[in-house]
Amino acid sequence: MDGFVSIEKSFVVLGCVYLSWKIIKHIWSSLNLEKDPVTVLVTGAAGKNQICLIGQIGYALVPMIARGEMLGPDQPVIIHMLDIEQAAVALNGVKMELIDAAFPLLKGVVATTDVVEACSGVNIAILVGGFPRKEGMERKDVMSKNVSIYKAQALTLDQHAAPDCKVLVVANPANTNALILKEFAPSIPEKNITCLTRLDHNRALGQISEKLNVHVSDVKNVIIWGNHSSTQYPDANHATVKAFTGEKPPQSSLATINGGYVLYIWTNDETILKELGYQWVYLPMDLMACHKD
């Protein structure tokens, strides 16, 4: 009998806890508390123009941010867009598009060619803008042109960005540009500065899965060494592939993989550029949106 009473009391306590949780949840939702907006800077956001072709990527990215595809469906944002003086009119057009779209999460838009205004108070900086890589150009060919751009942006972020600012460098060579940013923005923690080499990593996963006829999610431990250039080494030597007997190295196929696979990772940007006839946009845009993962 005592045991039955004890069980009954336990159910009563659990019921009270559950009811209390439901009441608290209802009150919390009725208050409709909204998160503070996060200020996101996107450089090179004006879209396709003769000076900054990479702006196509920034132009495609800003509505994804405004919709919540990068920071989540409940995170309000203020978007700062920066581009060069020659793109000022197009940049204002992008601002008008964002306002016309009436994104519920979008709490403000700044479109400017002034780097100080663009960098002021930003929590996240996505540095897409840079001298565009054109057909036949190596990454090293654009490096010297981008050094001055990234030095100026780094110095401004160092002085005007929010203390918790996180930076994603996209313009190539991304690793080198990230290093420049680290050197000239010492107030930003090193761990907060990243660059978009995820494209090379995903491209390597895709090629291995194609060669071995397995799903891409079954390929693990692929490593990308070096800058995003022809000096880069996409390392499949430590890769494992999921099989019925567990994860194991694809030893019998590594020689085949390493044949044309490395060259493919190096040159596929150029191949896609030739096939499309213009700067490709979807892949880097999607990877930026999920870079937080």
C-alpha atoms as a PDB file:
ATOM      1  CA  MET A   1       0.000   0.000   0.000  1.00  0.00           C
ATOM      2  CA  ASP A   2       2.827   2.376   0.908  1.00  0.00           C
ATOM      3  CA  GLY A   3       4.467   1.615  -2.425  1.00  0.00           C
ATOM      4  CA  PHE A   4       1.281   2.488  -4.281  1.00  0.00           C
ATOM      5  CA  VAL A   5       1.021   5.821  -2.429  1.00  0.00           C
ATOM      6  CA  SER A   6       4.671   6.589  -3.252  1.00  0.00           C
ATOM      7  CA  ILE A   7       4.076   5.928  -6.963  1.00  0.00           C
ATOM      8  CA  GLU A   8       0.923   8.044  -6.870  1.00  0.00           C
ATOM      9  CA  LYS A   9       2.844  10.946  -5.302  1.00  0.00           C
ATOM     10  CA  SER A  10       5.543  10.651  -7.982  1.00  0.00           C
ATOM     11  CA  PHE A  11       2.936  10.943 -10.724  1.00  0.00           C
ATOM     12  CA  VAL A  12       1.413  13.978  -9.001  1.00  0.00           C
ATOM     13  CA  VAL A  13       4.833  15.664  -8.777  1.00  0.00           C
ATOM     14  CA  LEU A  14       5.596  14.901 -12.426  1.00  0.00           C
ATOM     15  CA  GLY A  15       2.192  16.235 -13.421  1.00  0.00           C
ATOM     16  CA  CYS A  16       2.782  19.446 -11.494  1.00  0.00           C
ATOM     17  CA  VAL A  17       6.211  19.893 -13.078  1.00  0.00           C
ATOM     18  CA  TYR A  18       4.802  19.323 -16.565  1.00  0.00           C
ATOM     19  CA  LEU A  19       1.911  21.732 -15.959  1.00  0.00           C
ATOM     20  CA  SER A  20       4.300  24.375 -14.600  1.00  0.00           C
ATOM     21  CA  TRP A  21       6.522  23.995 -17.670  1.00  0.00           C
ATOM     22  CA  LYS A  22       3.530  24.431 -19.999  1.00  0.00           C
ATOM     23  CA  ILE A  23       2.430  27.572 -18.112  1.00  0.00           C
ATOM     24  CA  ILE A  24       5.942  29.086 -18.228  1.00  0.00           C
ATOM     25  CA  LYS A  25       6.248  28.250 -21.930  1.00  0.00           C
ATOM     26  CA  HIS A  26       2.896  29.891 -22.663  1.00  0.00           C
ATOM     27  CA  ILE A  27       3.790  33.035 -20.709  1.00  0.00           C
ATOM     28  CA  TRP A  28       7.195  33.239 -22.431  1.00  0.00           C
ATOM     29  CA  SER A  29       5.663  32.914 -25.909  1.00  0.00           C
ATOM     30  CA  SER A  30       2.948  35.452 -25.098  1.00  0.00           C
ATOM     31  CA  LEU A  31       5.602  37.980 -24.133  1.00  0.00           C
ATOM     32  CA  ASN A  32       6.995  37.557 -27.678  1.00  0.00           C
ATOM     33  CA  LEU A  33      10.504  38.456 -26.556  1.00  0.00           C
ATOM     34  CA  GLU A  34      12.697  39.223 -29.560  1.00  0.00           C
ATOM     35  CA  LYS A  35      16.437  38.803 -29.750  1.00  0.00           C
ATOM     36  CA  ASP A  36      18.622  41.846 -30.172  1.00  0.00           C
ATOM     37  CA  PRO A  37      19.513  42.330 -33.856  1.00  0.00           C
ATOM     38  CA  VAL A  38      22.913  41.210 -35.100  1.00  0.00           C
ATOM     39  CA  THR A  39      24.711  43.618 -37.432  1.00  0.00           C
ATOM     40  CA  VAL A  40      26.172  41.829 -40.464  1.00  0.00           C
ATOM     41  CA  LEU A  41      28.586  43.448 -42.902  1.00  0.00           C
ATOM     42  CA  VAL A  42      28.790  42.143 -46.475  1.00  0.00           C
ATOM     43  CA  THR A  43      31.408  43.666 -48.751  1.00  0.00           C
ATOM     44  CA  GLY A  44      31.075  43.576 -52.536  1.00  0.00           C
ATOM     45  CA  ALA A  45      27.277  43.504 -52.284  1.00  0.00           C
ATOM     46  CA  ALA A  46      26.299  45.644 -55.274  1.00  0.00           C
ATOM     47  CA  GLY A  47      25.947  42.790 -57.751  1.00  0.00           C
ATOM     48  CA  LYS A  48      27.514  42.327 -61.159  1.00  0.00           C
ATOM     49  CA  ASN A  49      29.506  45.304 -62.380  1.00  0.00           C
ATOM     50  CA  GLN A  50      32.644  45.778 -64.413  1.00  0.00           C
ATOM     51  CA  ILE A  51      34.829  46.655 -61.438  1.00  0.00           C
ATOM     52  CA  CYS A  52      33.878  44.080 -58.841  1.00  0.00           C
ATOM     53  CA  LEU A  53      32.506  40.948 -60.506  1.00  0.00           C
ATOM     54  CA  ILE A  54      32.641  38.989 -57.241  1.00  0.00           C
ATOM     55  CA  GLY A  55      29.790  41.254 -56.109  1.00  0.00           C
ATOM     56  CA  GLN A  56      27.362  38.759 -57.654  1.00  0.00           C
ATOM     57  CA  ILE A  57      28.023  36.531 -54.648  1.00  0.00           C
ATOM     58  CA  GLY A  58      27.465  39.311 -52.121  1.00  0.00           C
ATOM     59  CA  TYR A  59      24.329  40.390 -53.972  1.00  0.00           C
ATOM     60  CA  ALA A  60      22.915  36.864 -53.774  1.00  0.00           C
ATOM     61  CA  LEU A  61      23.945  36.449 -50.133  1.00  0.00           C
ATOM     62  CA  VAL A  62      22.231  39.453 -48.515  1.00  0.00           C
ATOM     63  CA  PRO A  63      18.622  38.225 -49.035  1.00  0.00           C
ATOM     64  CA  MET A  64      19.597  34.842 -47.561  1.00  0.00           C
ATOM     65  CA  ILE A  65      20.844  36.629 -44.446  1.00  0.00           C
ATOM     66  CA  ALA A  66      17.680  38.770 -44.325  1.00  0.00           C
ATOM     67  CA  ARG A  67      15.506  35.618 -44.541  1.00  0.00           C
ATOM     68  CA  GLY A  68      17.301  34.011 -41.606  1.00  0.00           C
ATOM     69  CA  GLU A  69      19.072  31.297 -43.597  1.00  0.00           C
ATOM     70  CA  MET A  70      22.430  32.103 -42.024  1.00  0.00           C
ATOM     71  CA  LEU A  71      21.671  33.023 -38.404  1.00  0.00           C
ATOM     72  CA  GLY A  72      18.328  31.324 -37.914  1.00  0.00           C
ATOM     73  CA  PRO A  73      14.595  32.051 -38.315  1.00  0.00           C
ATOM     74  CA  ASP A  74      14.319  33.973 -35.034  1.00  0.00           C
ATOM     75  CA  GLN A  75      17.428  36.189 -35.278  1.00  0.00           C
ATOM     76  CA  PRO A  76      16.793  39.798 -36.378  1.00  0.00           C
ATOM     77  CA  VAL A  77      19.564  41.382 -38.440  1.00  0.00           C
ATOM     78  CA  ILE A  78      20.838  44.759 -39.557  1.00  0.00           C
ATOM     79  CA  ILE A  79      22.712  44.476 -42.845  1.00  0.00           C
ATOM     80  CA  HIS A  80      25.606  46.776 -43.733  1.00  0.00           C
ATOM     81  CA  MET A  81      26.654  46.617 -47.385  1.00  0.00           C
ATOM     82  CA  LEU A  82      29.966  48.014 -48.625  1.00  0.00           C
ATOM     83  CA  ASP A  83      31.190  48.416 -52.180  1.00  0.00           C
ATOM     84  CA  ILE A  84      33.428  50.687 -54.204  1.00  0.00           C
ATOM     85  CA  GLU A  85      32.451  54.203 -55.303  1.00  0.00           C
ATOM     86  CA  GLN A  86      31.784  53.132 -58.904  1.00  0.00           C
ATOM     87  CA  ALA A  87      29.119  50.718 -57.625  1.00  0.00           C
ATOM     88  CA  ALA A  88      27.284  53.211 -55.376  1.00  0.00           C
ATOM     89  CA  VAL A  89      24.180  53.438 -57.574  1.00  0.00           C
ATOM     90  CA  ALA A  90      23.863  49.661 -57.896  1.00  0.00           C
ATOM     91  CA  LEU A  91      24.429  49.291 -54.152  1.00  0.00           C
ATOM     92  CA  ASN A  92      21.535  51.638 -53.426  1.00  0.00           C
ATOM     93  CA  GLY A  93      19.438  49.529 -55.804  1.00  0.00           C
ATOM     94  CA  VAL A  94      20.175  46.446 -53.707  1.00  0.00           C
ATOM     95  CA  LYS A  95      19.089  48.354 -50.591  1.00  0.00           C
ATOM     96  CA  MET A  96      15.811  49.238 -52.316  1.00  0.00           C
ATOM     97  CA  GLU A  97      15.272  45.571 -53.209  1.00  0.00           C
ATOM     98  CA  LEU A  98      15.781  44.500 -49.593  1.00  0.00           C
ATOM     99  CA  ILE A  99      13.320  47.108 -48.326  1.00  0.00           C
ATOM    100  CA  ASP A 100      10.740  46.148 -50.965  1.00  0.00           C
ATOM    101  CA  ALA A 101      11.019  42.491 -49.938  1.00  0.00           C
ATOM    102  CA  ALA A 102       9.800  43.393 -46.411  1.00  0.00           C
ATOM    103  CA  PHE A 103      11.808  40.679 -44.642  1.00  0.00           C
ATOM    104  CA  PRO A 104      10.386  40.370 -41.087  1.00  0.00           C
ATOM    105  CA  LEU A 105      13.851  39.780 -39.602  1.00  0.00           C
ATOM    106  CA  LEU A 106      15.480  42.747 -41.347  1.00  0.00           C
ATOM    107  CA  LYS A 107      15.657  45.638 -38.875  1.00  0.00           C
ATOM    108  CA  GLY A 108      17.825  47.973 -40.922  1.00  0.00           C
ATOM    109  CA  VAL A 109      19.946  48.347 -44.060  1.00  0.00           C
ATOM    110  CA  VAL A 110      23.024  50.493 -44.592  1.00  0.00           C
ATOM    111  CA  ALA A 111      24.378  50.814 -48.149  1.00  0.00           C
ATOM    112  CA  THR A 112      27.627  52.737 -48.271  1.00  0.00           C
ATOM    113  CA  THR A 113      30.976  53.198 -49.973  1.00  0.00           C
ATOM    114  CA  ASP A 114      32.496  54.518 -46.729  1.00  0.00           C
ATOM    115  CA  VAL A 115      34.444  51.753 -44.978  1.00  0.00           C
ATOM    116  CA  VAL A 116      34.133  53.385 -41.530  1.00  0.00           C
ATOM    117  CA  GLU A 117      30.344  53.626 -41.755  1.00  0.00           C
ATOM    118  CA  ALA A 118      30.178  50.054 -43.037  1.00  0.00           C
ATOM    119  CA  CYS A 119      32.321  48.605 -40.245  1.00  0.00           C
ATOM    120  CA  SER A 120      30.827  50.525 -37.331  1.00  0.00           C
ATOM    121  CA  GLY A 121      29.357  48.216 -34.705  1.00  0.00           C
ATOM    122  CA  VAL A 122      29.312  45.079 -36.855  1.00  0.00           C
ATOM    123  CA  ASN A 123      29.061  41.711 -35.115  1.00  0.00           C
ATOM    124  CA  ILE A 124      29.743  39.644 -38.234  1.00  0.00           C
ATOM    125  CA  ALA A 125      31.818  40.701 -41.236  1.00  0.00           C
ATOM    126  CA  ILE A 126      31.630  38.663 -44.441  1.00  0.00           C
ATOM    127  CA  LEU A 127      34.389  39.941 -46.701  1.00  0.00           C
ATOM    128  CA  VAL A 128      33.342  38.918 -50.189  1.00  0.00           C
ATOM    129  CA  GLY A 129      34.578  41.962 -52.065  1.00  0.00           C
ATOM    130  CA  GLY A 130      37.991  41.925 -53.656  1.00  0.00           C
ATOM    131  CA  PHE A 131      39.713  42.133 -57.004  1.00  0.00           C
ATOM    132  CA  PRO A 132      37.984  39.443 -59.066  1.00  0.00           C
ATOM    133  CA  ARG A 133      39.795  36.439 -60.405  1.00  0.00           C
ATOM    134  CA  LYS A 134      39.359  36.312 -64.162  1.00  0.00           C
ATOM    135  CA  GLU A 135      39.851  33.523 -66.676  1.00  0.00           C
ATOM    136  CA  GLY A 136      43.484  32.481 -66.873  1.00  0.00           C
ATOM    137  CA  MET A 137      44.466  34.121 -63.565  1.00  0.00           C
ATOM    138  CA  GLU A 138      46.112  32.253 -60.695  1.00  0.00           C
ATOM    139  CA  ARG A 139      45.264  33.076 -57.082  1.00  0.00           C
ATOM    140  CA  LYS A 140      48.710  34.666 -56.694  1.00  0.00           C
ATOM    141  CA  ASP A 141      47.892  37.072 -59.528  1.00  0.00           C
ATOM    142  CA  VAL A 142      45.179  38.749 -57.478  1.00  0.00           C
ATOM    143  CA  MET A 143      47.033  38.609 -54.155  1.00  0.00           C
ATOM    144  CA  SER A 144      48.935  41.877 -54.494  1.00  0.00           C
ATOM    145  CA  LYS A 145      45.777  43.716 -55.541  1.00  0.00           C
ATOM    146  CA  ASN A 146      43.847  42.432 -52.531  1.00  0.00           C
ATOM    147  CA  VAL A 147      46.532  43.182 -49.914  1.00  0.00           C
ATOM    148  CA  SER A 148      45.760  46.904 -49.848  1.00  0.00           C
ATOM    149  CA  ILE A 149      42.007  46.251 -49.768  1.00  0.00           C
ATOM    150  CA  TYR A 150      42.213  43.872 -46.816  1.00  0.00           C
ATOM    151  CA  LYS A 151      44.696  45.974 -44.908  1.00  0.00           C
ATOM    152  CA  ALA A 152      42.326  48.965 -45.048  1.00  0.00           C
ATOM    153  CA  GLN A 153      39.325  46.884 -44.020  1.00  0.00           C
ATOM    154  CA  ALA A 154      41.260  45.204 -41.200  1.00  0.00           C
ATOM    155  CA  LEU A 155      42.393  48.526 -39.732  1.00  0.00           C
ATOM    156  CA  THR A 156      38.831  49.849 -39.837  1.00  0.00           C
ATOM    157  CA  LEU A 157      37.288  46.729 -38.298  1.00  0.00           C
ATOM    158  CA  ASP A 158      39.930  46.852 -35.585  1.00  0.00           C
ATOM    159  CA  GLN A 159      38.807  50.342 -34.604  1.00  0.00           C
ATOM    160  CA  HIS A 160      35.057  50.323 -35.262  1.00  0.00           C
ATOM    161  CA  ALA A 161      33.629  46.768 -35.151  1.00  0.00           C
ATOM    162  CA  ALA A 162      31.921  45.300 -32.094  1.00  0.00           C
ATOM    163  CA  PRO A 163      34.285  43.628 -29.583  1.00  0.00           C
ATOM    164  CA  ASP A 164      32.788  40.201 -30.360  1.00  0.00           C
ATOM    165  CA  CYS A 165      33.073  40.622 -34.139  1.00  0.00           C
ATOM    166  CA  LYS A 166      33.482  37.428 -36.159  1.00  0.00           C
ATOM    167  CA  VAL A 167      35.014  37.640 -39.630  1.00  0.00           C
ATOM    168  CA  LEU A 168      34.645  35.323 -42.616  1.00  0.00           C
ATOM    169  CA  VAL A 169      37.085  35.973 -45.472  1.00  0.00           C
ATOM    170  CA  VAL A 170      35.815  34.843 -48.861  1.00  0.00           C
ATOM    171  CA  ALA A 171      37.812  36.735 -51.529  1.00  0.00           C
ATOM    172  CA  ASN A 172      40.810  34.773 -52.749  1.00  0.00           C
ATOM    173  CA  PRO A 173      43.423  33.894 -51.797  1.00  0.00           C
ATOM    174  CA  ALA A 174      41.251  33.483 -48.713  1.00  0.00           C
ATOM    175  CA  ASN A 175      43.888  32.099 -46.314  1.00  0.00           C
ATOM    176  CA  THR A 176      46.347  34.868 -47.128  1.00  0.00           C
ATOM    177  CA  ASN A 177      43.681  37.568 -46.889  1.00  0.00           C
ATOM    178  CA  ALA A 178      42.657  36.162 -43.497  1.00  0.00           C
ATOM    179  CA  LEU A 179      46.293  36.371 -42.360  1.00  0.00           C
ATOM    180  CA  ILE A 180      46.457  40.011 -43.475  1.00  0.00           C
ATOM    181  CA  LEU A 181      43.289  40.710 -41.539  1.00  0.00           C
ATOM    182  CA  LYS A 182      44.695  39.045 -38.413  1.00  0.00           C
ATOM    183  CA  GLU A 183      47.884  41.094 -38.594  1.00  0.00           C
ATOM    184  CA  PHE A 184      46.146  44.455 -38.988  1.00  0.00           C
ATOM    185  CA  ALA A 185      43.157  43.840 -36.688  1.00  0.00           C
ATOM    186  CA  PRO A 186      44.836  42.708 -33.450  1.00  0.00           C
ATOM    187  CA  SER A 187      41.789  43.528 -31.297  1.00  0.00           C
ATOM    188  CA  ILE A 188      39.759  40.804 -33.042  1.00  0.00           C
ATOM    189  CA  PRO A 189      40.512  37.391 -31.445  1.00  0.00           C
ATOM    190  CA  GLU A 190      42.298  35.033 -33.833  1.00  0.00           C
ATOM    191  CA  LYS A 191      39.641  32.370 -33.271  1.00  0.00           C
ATOM    192  CA  ASN A 192      37.038  34.801 -34.643  1.00  0.00           C
ATOM    193  CA  ILE A 193      38.755  35.052 -38.047  1.00  0.00           C
ATOM    194  CA  THR A 194      38.032  32.261 -40.514  1.00  0.00           C
ATOM    195  CA  CYS A 195      38.193  31.815 -44.279  1.00  0.00           C
ATOM    196  CA  LEU A 196      36.084  29.904 -46.748  1.00  0.00           C
ATOM    197  CA  THR A 197      38.113  26.836 -47.690  1.00  0.00           C
ATOM    198  CA  ARG A 198      35.018  24.722 -47.139  1.00  0.00           C
ATOM    199  CA  LEU A 199      34.396  24.729 -50.885  1.00  0.00           C
ATOM    200  CA  ASP A 200      37.652  22.818 -51.477  1.00  0.00           C
ATOM    201  CA  HIS A 201      36.823  20.427 -48.634  1.00  0.00           C
ATOM    202  CA  ASN A 202      33.328  19.727 -49.970  1.00  0.00           C
ATOM    203  CA  ARG A 203      34.644  19.402 -53.510  1.00  0.00           C
ATOM    204  CA  ALA A 204      37.109  16.783 -52.273  1.00  0.00           C
ATOM    205  CA  LEU A 205      34.330  14.885 -50.482  1.00  0.00           C
ATOM    206  CA  GLY A 206      32.231  14.993 -53.638  1.00  0.00           C
ATOM    207  CA  GLN A 207      35.000  13.653 -55.835  1.00  0.00           C
ATOM    208  CA  ILE A 208      35.830  10.771 -53.486  1.00  0.00           C
ATOM    209  CA  SER A 209      32.168   9.802 -53.172  1.00  0.00           C
ATOM    210  CA  GLU A 210      31.839   9.861 -56.973  1.00  0.00           C
ATOM    211  CA  LYS A 211      34.968   7.747 -57.509  1.00  0.00           C
ATOM    212  CA  LEU A 212      33.963   5.154 -54.892  1.00  0.00           C
ATOM    213  CA  ASN A 213      30.228   5.247 -55.656  1.00  0.00           C
ATOM    214  CA  VAL A 214      29.223   6.013 -52.073  1.00  0.00           C
ATOM    215  CA  HIS A 215      27.123   8.787 -50.561  1.00  0.00           C
ATOM    216  CA  VAL A 216      29.068  11.930 -49.716  1.00  0.00           C
ATOM    217  CA  SER A 217      27.949  11.766 -46.067  1.00  0.00           C
ATOM    218  CA  ASP A 218      29.771   8.417 -45.756  1.00  0.00           C
ATOM    219  CA  VAL A 219      33.184   9.991 -46.479  1.00  0.00           C
ATOM    220  CA  LYS A 220      35.090  11.316 -43.449  1.00  0.00           C
ATOM    221  CA  ASN A 221      38.480  12.769 -42.468  1.00  0.00           C
ATOM    222  CA  VAL A 222      39.407  14.507 -45.691  1.00  0.00           C
ATOM    223  CA  ILE A 223      41.918  17.302 -45.023  1.00  0.00           C
ATOM    224  CA  ILE A 224      42.719  20.434 -47.016  1.00  0.00           C
ATOM    225  CA  TRP A 225      46.310  21.672 -46.653  1.00  0.00           C
ATOM    226  CA  GLY A 226      47.448  25.097 -47.801  1.00  0.00           C
ATOM    227  CA  ASN A 227      45.943  28.093 -49.526  1.00  0.00           C
ATOM    228  CA  HIS A 228      43.076  28.072 -52.003  1.00  0.00           C
ATOM    229  CA  SER A 229      45.373  27.783 -55.030  1.00  0.00           C
ATOM    230  CA  SER A 230      47.404  25.380 -57.137  1.00  0.00           C
ATOM    231  CA  THR A 231      49.768  24.911 -54.168  1.00  0.00           C
ATOM    232  CA  GLN A 232      46.953  23.420 -52.127  1.00  0.00           C
ATOM    233  CA  TYR A 233      46.966  19.711 -51.274  1.00  0.00           C
ATOM    234  CA  PRO A 234      43.596  18.014 -50.728  1.00  0.00           C
ATOM    235  CA  ASP A 235      44.644  15.030 -48.600  1.00  0.00           C
ATOM    236  CA  ALA A 236      42.638  11.805 -48.963  1.00  0.00           C
ATOM    237  CA  ASN A 237      45.277   9.630 -47.314  1.00  0.00           C
ATOM    238  CA  HIS A 238      43.476   9.719 -43.954  1.00  0.00           C
ATOM    239  CA  ALA A 239      39.986   9.425 -45.410  1.00  0.00           C
ATOM    240  CA  THR A 240      37.568   6.772 -44.261  1.00  0.00           C
ATOM    241  CA  VAL A 241      34.496   5.470 -46.026  1.00  0.00           C
ATOM    242  CA  LYS A 242      31.514   4.006 -44.220  1.00  0.00           C
ATOM    243  CA  ALA A 243      30.906   0.372 -45.106  1.00  0.00           C
ATOM    244  CA  PHE A 244      28.831  -2.506 -43.742  1.00  0.00           C
ATOM    245  CA  THR A 245      31.791  -3.541 -41.595  1.00  0.00           C
ATOM    246  CA  GLY A 246      32.306  -0.025 -40.248  1.00  0.00           C
ATOM    247  CA  GLU A 247      34.427   2.920 -41.336  1.00  0.00           C
ATOM    248  CA  LYS A 248      37.623   1.964 -43.135  1.00  0.00           C
ATOM    249  CA  PRO A 249      40.235   3.600 -45.359  1.00  0.00           C
ATOM    250  CA  PRO A 250      39.527   3.239 -49.089  1.00  0.00           C
ATOM    251  CA  GLN A 251      43.027   1.768 -49.548  1.00  0.00           C
ATOM    252  CA  SER A 252      42.351  -0.098 -52.766  1.00  0.00           C
ATOM    253  CA  SER A 253      41.104   3.063 -54.454  1.00  0.00           C
ATOM    254  CA  LEU A 254      43.468   5.692 -53.074  1.00  0.00           C
ATOM    255  CA  ALA A 255      45.850   5.462 -56.032  1.00  0.00           C
ATOM    256  CA  THR A 256      42.968   6.042 -58.425  1.00  0.00           C
ATOM    257  CA  ILE A 257      41.597   8.885 -56.321  1.00  0.00           C
ATOM    258  CA  ASN A 258      44.912  10.687 -56.002  1.00  0.00           C
ATOM    259  CA  GLY A 259      45.465  10.609 -59.755  1.00  0.00           C
ATOM    260  CA  GLY A 260      43.185  13.222 -61.270  1.00  0.00           C
ATOM    261  CA  TYR A 261      41.529  14.128 -57.991  1.00  0.00           C
ATOM    262  CA  VAL A 262      44.114  16.684 -56.800  1.00  0.00           C
ATOM    263  CA  LEU A 263      44.223  18.399 -60.191  1.00  0.00           C
ATOM    264  CA  TYR A 264      40.415  18.549 -60.212  1.00  0.00           C
ATOM    265  CA  ILE A 265      40.322  20.353 -56.844  1.00  0.00           C
ATOM    266  CA  TRP A 266      42.901  22.852 -58.119  1.00  0.00           C
ATOM    267  CA  THR A 267      41.300  23.616 -61.462  1.00  0.00           C
ATOM    268  CA  ASN A 268      37.562  23.143 -61.193  1.00  0.00           C
ATOM    269  CA  ASP A 269      36.972  26.847 -60.476  1.00  0.00           C
ATOM    270  CA  GLU A 270      38.412  27.584 -63.913  1.00  0.00           C
ATOM    271  CA  THR A 271      36.395  24.787 -65.519  1.00  0.00           C
ATOM    272  CA  ILE A 272      33.107  26.044 -64.097  1.00  0.00           C
ATOM    273  CA  LEU A 273      33.989  29.615 -65.094  1.00  0.00           C
ATOM    274  CA  LYS A 274      34.529  28.470 -68.707  1.00  0.00           C
ATOM    275  CA  GLU A 275      31.352  26.393 -68.775  1.00  0.00           C
ATOM    276  CA  LEU A 276      29.124  29.114 -67.320  1.00  0.00           C
ATOM    277  CA  GLY A 277      30.793  32.044 -69.051  1.00  0.00           C
ATOM    278  CA  TYR A 278      30.518  34.138 -65.885  1.00  0.00           C
ATOM    279  CA  GLN A 279      31.508  34.096 -62.223  1.00  0.00           C
ATOM    280  CA  TRP A 280      29.730  31.220 -60.490  1.00  0.00           C
ATOM    281  CA  VAL A 281      27.666  32.136 -57.451  1.00  0.00           C
ATOM    282  CA  TYR A 282      25.610  29.359 -55.879  1.00  0.00           C
ATOM    283  CA  LEU A 283      28.328  27.247 -54.220  1.00  0.00           C
ATOM    284  CA  PRO A 284      30.183  29.976 -52.299  1.00  0.00           C
ATOM    285  CA  MET A 285      26.895  31.659 -51.355  1.00  0.00           C
ATOM    286  CA  ASP A 286      25.481  28.429 -49.896  1.00  0.00           C
ATOM    287  CA  LEU A 287      28.727  27.640 -48.078  1.00  0.00           C
ATOM    288  CA  MET A 288      28.836  31.094 -46.497  1.00  0.00           C
ATOM    289  CA  ALA A 289      25.316  30.670 -45.193  1.00  0.00           C
ATOM    290  CA  CYS A 290      26.201  27.350 -43.511  1.00  0.00           C
ATOM    291  CA  HIS A 291      29.769  28.274 -42.501  1.00  0.00           C
ATOM    292  CA  LYS A 292      28.675  28.586 -38.842  1.00  0.00           C
ATOM    293  CA  ASP A 293      28.213  24.780 -38.767  1.00  0.00           C
END
